[in-house]
Amino acid sequence: MTDARDSLTVGRTSDGRLVQRPLSPHLQAYKWPISMASSILHRATGIALSVGTLLLVWFLVAAAASDRSYAAVSGFIHSFVGVVLLLGWIAALWYHFLAGIRHLAWDAGYGYSKEDTDRNTLVIFGATAVCTLLTWILLFTHL
């Protein structure tokens, strides 16, 4: 062995001979199925919703506390960073909701084939974009 890393790829057969074990696929060589990306995104949006809810609580507490507190939070929410966070939170909310409906269908035993899963994932991505856009149009035309 020329390197300490080489020792990680050495194993023994059942009769005790040394053999080279294959390495796990590297992330750059491994092609992610769309269903795997969707699953990871569903978990990530759940975390994002939890963090985004803190912004909502901050807003509600400030609104109940005083005019000055409300003005400070409102100023943050109307800043560029606040608008980007709000957009991300709404997109996460729609994605998590729609992916949750798919999970309910899976719990009922529907949509387990690879073709159904891939198609439903693309539908959820598209529906998330449409619902997020419609939500923003409604927010900005009525506020």
C-alpha atoms as a PDB file:
ATOM      1  CA  MET A   1       0.000   0.000   0.000  1.00  0.00           C
ATOM      2  CA  THR A   2       1.383   3.338  -1.021  1.00  0.00           C
ATOM      3  CA  ASP A   3      -1.027   5.567   0.854  1.00  0.00           C
ATOM      4  CA  ALA A   4      -3.175   5.433   3.988  1.00  0.00           C
ATOM      5  CA  ARG A   5      -6.233   5.890   1.784  1.00  0.00           C
ATOM      6  CA  ASP A   6      -5.376   2.674  -0.049  1.00  0.00           C
ATOM      7  CA  SER A   7      -5.925   0.749   3.160  1.00  0.00           C
ATOM      8  CA  LEU A   8      -9.585   1.771   3.063  1.00  0.00           C
ATOM      9  CA  THR A   9     -10.105  -0.166  -0.162  1.00  0.00           C
ATOM     10  CA  VAL A  10      -8.457  -3.394   0.996  1.00  0.00           C
ATOM     11  CA  GLY A  11     -10.586  -6.243   2.262  1.00  0.00           C
ATOM     12  CA  ARG A  12     -10.335  -9.975   2.800  1.00  0.00           C
ATOM     13  CA  THR A  13     -12.239 -12.757   1.140  1.00  0.00           C
ATOM     14  CA  SER A  14     -13.774 -15.573   3.171  1.00  0.00           C
ATOM     15  CA  ASP A  15     -10.591 -17.620   2.721  1.00  0.00           C
ATOM     16  CA  GLY A  16      -8.397 -14.747   3.967  1.00  0.00           C
ATOM     17  CA  ARG A  17      -6.948 -13.442   0.676  1.00  0.00           C
ATOM     18  CA  LEU A  18      -6.470  -9.664   0.315  1.00  0.00           C
ATOM     19  CA  VAL A  19      -8.629  -8.044  -2.359  1.00  0.00           C
ATOM     20  CA  GLN A  20      -9.305  -4.504  -3.575  1.00  0.00           C
ATOM     21  CA  ARG A  21     -12.852  -3.421  -2.686  1.00  0.00           C
ATOM     22  CA  PRO A  22     -14.679  -1.012  -4.965  1.00  0.00           C
ATOM     23  CA  LEU A  23     -15.201   2.539  -3.775  1.00  0.00           C
ATOM     24  CA  SER A  24     -18.669   3.965  -3.331  1.00  0.00           C
ATOM     25  CA  PRO A  25     -19.830   6.130  -6.234  1.00  0.00           C
ATOM     26  CA  HIS A  26     -18.706   9.713  -5.879  1.00  0.00           C
ATOM     27  CA  LEU A  27     -21.358  12.432  -5.861  1.00  0.00           C
ATOM     28  CA  GLN A  28     -20.027  13.839  -9.117  1.00  0.00           C
ATOM     29  CA  ALA A  29     -20.341  10.471 -10.885  1.00  0.00           C
ATOM     30  CA  TYR A  30     -23.642   9.414  -9.325  1.00  0.00           C
ATOM     31  CA  LYS A  31     -26.835  10.509 -11.092  1.00  0.00           C
ATOM     32  CA  TRP A  32     -29.531  11.516  -8.620  1.00  0.00           C
ATOM     33  CA  PRO A  33     -32.973  10.221  -9.501  1.00  0.00           C
ATOM     34  CA  ILE A  34     -35.567  12.988  -9.465  1.00  0.00           C
ATOM     35  CA  SER A  35     -37.465  11.152  -6.739  1.00  0.00           C
ATOM     36  CA  MET A  36     -34.408  11.311  -4.467  1.00  0.00           C
ATOM     37  CA  ALA A  37     -34.016  15.046  -5.054  1.00  0.00           C
ATOM     38  CA  SER A  38     -37.729  15.467  -4.328  1.00  0.00           C
ATOM     39  CA  SER A  39     -37.451  13.530  -1.077  1.00  0.00           C
ATOM     40  CA  ILE A  40     -34.494  15.613   0.095  1.00  0.00           C
ATOM     41  CA  LEU A  41     -36.297  18.820  -0.911  1.00  0.00           C
ATOM     42  CA  HIS A  42     -39.400  17.741   1.021  1.00  0.00           C
ATOM     43  CA  ARG A  43     -37.305  17.358   4.170  1.00  0.00           C
ATOM     44  CA  ALA A  44     -35.480  20.634   3.545  1.00  0.00           C
ATOM     45  CA  THR A  45     -38.736  22.538   3.044  1.00  0.00           C
ATOM     46  CA  GLY A  46     -40.008  21.131   6.336  1.00  0.00           C
ATOM     47  CA  ILE A  47     -36.961  22.619   8.057  1.00  0.00           C
ATOM     48  CA  ALA A  48     -37.351  25.890   6.122  1.00  0.00           C
ATOM     49  CA  LEU A  49     -40.983  26.140   7.227  1.00  0.00           C
ATOM     50  CA  SER A  50     -39.949  25.719  10.840  1.00  0.00           C
ATOM     51  CA  VAL A  51     -37.367  28.481  10.527  1.00  0.00           C
ATOM     52  CA  GLY A  52     -39.764  30.692   8.541  1.00  0.00           C
ATOM     53  CA  THR A  53     -42.379  30.317  11.232  1.00  0.00           C
ATOM     54  CA  LEU A  54     -39.987  32.125  13.574  1.00  0.00           C
ATOM     55  CA  LEU A  55     -40.284  35.163  11.276  1.00  0.00           C
ATOM     56  CA  LEU A  56     -44.061  34.914  11.492  1.00  0.00           C
ATOM     57  CA  VAL A  57     -43.923  34.696  15.302  1.00  0.00           C
ATOM     58  CA  TRP A  58     -41.552  37.684  15.408  1.00  0.00           C
ATOM     59  CA  PHE A  59     -44.041  39.653  13.299  1.00  0.00           C
ATOM     60  CA  LEU A  60     -47.018  38.696  15.492  1.00  0.00           C
ATOM     61  CA  VAL A  61     -45.218  39.453  18.759  1.00  0.00           C
ATOM     62  CA  ALA A  62     -44.021  42.804  17.411  1.00  0.00           C
ATOM     63  CA  ALA A  63     -47.544  43.669  16.236  1.00  0.00           C
ATOM     64  CA  ALA A  64     -48.894  42.935  19.702  1.00  0.00           C
ATOM     65  CA  ALA A  65     -46.050  44.672  21.537  1.00  0.00           C
ATOM     66  CA  SER A  66     -45.894  48.230  20.189  1.00  0.00           C
ATOM     67  CA  ASP A  67     -45.997  50.432  17.122  1.00  0.00           C
ATOM     68  CA  ARG A  68     -42.233  50.851  17.244  1.00  0.00           C
ATOM     69  CA  SER A  69     -41.605  47.077  17.294  1.00  0.00           C
ATOM     70  CA  TYR A  70     -44.096  46.562  14.494  1.00  0.00           C
ATOM     71  CA  ALA A  71     -42.402  49.249  12.387  1.00  0.00           C
ATOM     72  CA  ALA A  72     -39.000  47.580  12.883  1.00  0.00           C
ATOM     73  CA  VAL A  73     -40.250  44.138  11.822  1.00  0.00           C
ATOM     74  CA  SER A  74     -42.261  45.592   8.955  1.00  0.00           C
ATOM     75  CA  GLY A  75     -39.163  47.430   7.750  1.00  0.00           C
ATOM     76  CA  PHE A  76     -37.205  44.177   7.752  1.00  0.00           C
ATOM     77  CA  ILE A  77     -39.930  42.245   5.945  1.00  0.00           C
ATOM     78  CA  HIS A  78     -40.151  44.950   3.259  1.00  0.00           C
ATOM     79  CA  SER A  79     -36.363  44.959   2.755  1.00  0.00           C
ATOM     80  CA  PHE A  80     -34.768  42.913  -0.031  1.00  0.00           C
ATOM     81  CA  VAL A  81     -33.692  40.174   2.390  1.00  0.00           C
ATOM     82  CA  GLY A  82     -37.145  40.042   3.961  1.00  0.00           C
ATOM     83  CA  VAL A  83     -38.868  39.775   0.587  1.00  0.00           C
ATOM     84  CA  VAL A  84     -36.514  36.961  -0.511  1.00  0.00           C
ATOM     85  CA  LEU A  85     -37.143  35.119   2.780  1.00  0.00           C
ATOM     86  CA  LEU A  86     -40.889  35.559   2.388  1.00  0.00           C
ATOM     87  CA  LEU A  87     -40.783  34.298  -1.199  1.00  0.00           C
ATOM     88  CA  GLY A  88     -38.739  31.268  -0.120  1.00  0.00           C
ATOM     89  CA  TRP A  89     -41.088  30.575   2.777  1.00  0.00           C
ATOM     90  CA  ILE A  90     -44.156  30.678   0.541  1.00  0.00           C
ATOM     91  CA  ALA A  91     -42.484  28.428  -2.070  1.00  0.00           C
ATOM     92  CA  ALA A  92     -41.472  26.000   0.697  1.00  0.00           C
ATOM     93  CA  LEU A  93     -45.011  26.039   2.058  1.00  0.00           C
ATOM     94  CA  TRP A  94     -46.532  25.185  -1.315  1.00  0.00           C
ATOM     95  CA  TYR A  95     -43.937  22.509  -2.121  1.00  0.00           C
ATOM     96  CA  HIS A  96     -44.245  20.858   1.285  1.00  0.00           C
ATOM     97  CA  PHE A  97     -48.054  20.921   1.059  1.00  0.00           C
ATOM     98  CA  LEU A  98     -48.139  19.405  -2.429  1.00  0.00           C
ATOM     99  CA  ALA A  99     -45.490  16.781  -1.645  1.00  0.00           C
ATOM    100  CA  GLY A 100     -47.449  15.939   1.506  1.00  0.00           C
ATOM    101  CA  ILE A 101     -50.528  15.236  -0.621  1.00  0.00           C
ATOM    102  CA  ARG A 102     -48.394  12.848  -2.691  1.00  0.00           C
ATOM    103  CA  HIS A 103     -47.291  11.140   0.520  1.00  0.00           C
ATOM    104  CA  LEU A 104     -50.933  10.693   1.491  1.00  0.00           C
ATOM    105  CA  ALA A 105     -51.532   9.023  -1.889  1.00  0.00           C
ATOM    106  CA  TRP A 106     -48.541   6.759  -1.266  1.00  0.00           C
ATOM    107  CA  ASP A 107     -49.934   5.886   2.175  1.00  0.00           C
ATOM    108  CA  ALA A 108     -53.135   4.820   0.425  1.00  0.00           C
ATOM    109  CA  GLY A 109     -51.082   2.634  -1.953  1.00  0.00           C
ATOM    110  CA  TYR A 110     -51.195   4.767  -5.122  1.00  0.00           C
ATOM    111  CA  GLY A 111     -48.423   6.070  -7.360  1.00  0.00           C
ATOM    112  CA  TYR A 112     -45.541   3.748  -6.462  1.00  0.00           C
ATOM    113  CA  SER A 113     -44.321   2.956  -9.972  1.00  0.00           C
ATOM    114  CA  LYS A 114     -41.174   4.737 -11.151  1.00  0.00           C
ATOM    115  CA  GLU A 115     -43.066   6.410 -13.988  1.00  0.00           C
ATOM    116  CA  ASP A 116     -45.801   7.671 -11.636  1.00  0.00           C
ATOM    117  CA  THR A 117     -43.271   8.928  -9.120  1.00  0.00           C
ATOM    118  CA  ASP A 118     -41.205  10.778 -11.733  1.00  0.00           C
ATOM    119  CA  ARG A 119     -44.295  12.314 -13.372  1.00  0.00           C
ATOM    120  CA  ASN A 120     -45.813  13.331 -10.027  1.00  0.00           C
ATOM    121  CA  THR A 121     -42.531  14.917  -8.954  1.00  0.00           C
ATOM    122  CA  LEU A 122     -42.450  17.076 -12.081  1.00  0.00           C
ATOM    123  CA  VAL A 123     -46.115  17.991 -11.564  1.00  0.00           C
ATOM    124  CA  ILE A 124     -45.360  19.011  -7.975  1.00  0.00           C
ATOM    125  CA  PHE A 125     -42.420  21.174  -9.098  1.00  0.00           C
ATOM    126  CA  GLY A 126     -44.594  22.897 -11.706  1.00  0.00           C
ATOM    127  CA  ALA A 127     -47.575  23.289  -9.372  1.00  0.00           C
ATOM    128  CA  THR A 128     -45.285  24.771  -6.714  1.00  0.00           C
ATOM    129  CA  ALA A 129     -44.047  27.392  -9.164  1.00  0.00           C
ATOM    130  CA  VAL A 130     -47.578  28.243 -10.322  1.00  0.00           C
ATOM    131  CA  CYS A 131     -49.031  28.387  -6.794  1.00  0.00           C
ATOM    132  CA  THR A 132     -46.119  30.505  -5.530  1.00  0.00           C
ATOM    133  CA  LEU A 133     -46.514  32.921  -8.441  1.00  0.00           C
ATOM    134  CA  LEU A 134     -50.287  33.163  -7.944  1.00  0.00           C
ATOM    135  CA  THR A 135     -49.829  33.744  -4.214  1.00  0.00           C
ATOM    136  CA  TRP A 136     -47.410  36.579  -4.911  1.00  0.00           C
ATOM    137  CA  ILE A 137     -49.711  38.127  -7.493  1.00  0.00           C
ATOM    138  CA  LEU A 138     -52.572  38.025  -4.998  1.00  0.00           C
ATOM    139  CA  LEU A 139     -50.409  39.459  -2.216  1.00  0.00           C
ATOM    140  CA  PHE A 140     -49.046  42.349  -4.256  1.00  0.00           C
ATOM    141  CA  THR A 141     -52.335  43.290  -5.905  1.00  0.00           C
ATOM    142  CA  HIS A 142     -54.275  43.314  -2.629  1.00  0.00           C
ATOM    143  CA  LEU A 143     -51.735  44.844  -0.260  1.00  0.00           C
END
